[in-house]
Protein backbone atom coordinates (compact mmCIF):
# COMPACT_ATOMS: atom_id res chain seq x y z
CA MET A 1 -7.83 8.93 3.31
CA LYS A 2 -6.90 7.58 6.73
CA ALA A 3 -10.45 8.08 8.02
CA TRP A 4 -11.86 6.31 4.96
CA LEU A 5 -9.49 3.36 5.41
CA GLU A 6 -10.49 3.07 9.08
CA ASP A 7 -14.22 3.07 8.26
CA GLU A 8 -15.93 -0.27 9.02
CA LYS A 9 -17.60 -0.42 5.59
CA THR A 10 -14.22 0.02 3.92
CA LYS A 11 -12.69 -2.71 6.08
CA GLU A 12 -15.59 -5.04 5.24
CA ARG A 13 -15.17 -4.39 1.51
CA PHE A 14 -11.44 -5.05 1.66
CA SER A 15 -12.02 -8.28 3.59
CA THR A 16 -14.35 -9.57 0.85
CA MET A 17 -11.37 -9.21 -1.48
CA ALA A 18 -9.01 -10.97 0.98
CA GLY A 19 -7.27 -7.68 1.64
CA PHE A 20 -6.85 -5.15 4.36
CA PRO A 21 -6.77 -1.37 4.29
CA ALA A 22 -3.40 0.19 5.00
CA TYR A 23 -1.93 3.64 4.74
CA GLY A 24 1.49 5.14 4.89
CA THR A 25 3.99 7.25 3.04
CA PRO A 26 5.10 6.64 -0.54
CA ASP A 27 8.44 5.43 0.84
CA GLN A 28 6.66 2.92 3.09
CA PHE A 29 4.62 1.67 0.13
CA ASN A 30 7.78 1.33 -1.94
CA SER A 31 9.41 -0.68 0.84
CA PHE A 32 6.33 -2.92 1.09
CA VAL A 33 6.29 -3.59 -2.66
CA ASN A 34 10.01 -4.36 -2.75
CA ALA A 35 9.66 -6.73 0.21
CA GLN A 36 6.81 -8.54 -1.57
CA ILE A 37 8.89 -8.86 -4.74
CA ALA A 38 11.79 -10.30 -2.76
CA GLN A 39 9.47 -12.67 -0.89
CA TRP A 40 7.80 -14.14 -3.96
CA LYS A 41 10.57 -13.93 -6.59
CA SER A 42 12.08 -17.30 -5.74
CA VAL A 43 8.69 -19.03 -5.93
CA ILE A 44 7.89 -17.42 -9.27
CA ASP A 45 11.32 -18.29 -10.68
CA LYS A 46 11.26 -21.86 -9.31
CA GLU A 47 7.82 -22.59 -10.76
CA GLY A 48 8.53 -20.80 -14.03
CA LEU A 49 5.44 -18.62 -13.68
CA LYS A 50 4.76 -15.99 -16.33
CA LEU A 51 2.32 -13.09 -16.39
CA ASP A 52 -0.52 -13.62 -18.85
CA VAL A 53 -1.76 -10.19 -19.94
CA ASN A 54 -4.24 -11.44 -22.55
């Protein structure tokens, strides 16, 4: 997986989606997700944003 994420074609594909390849442990991913939730929660709450699943 690490080799695939470091491949230039993979990096190019991620960049077309405004992303970047990253790897780590499940605990590191969990920490990342929780940090993102904490970072954006106040904005979502302030603006009253809701998820539209339709």
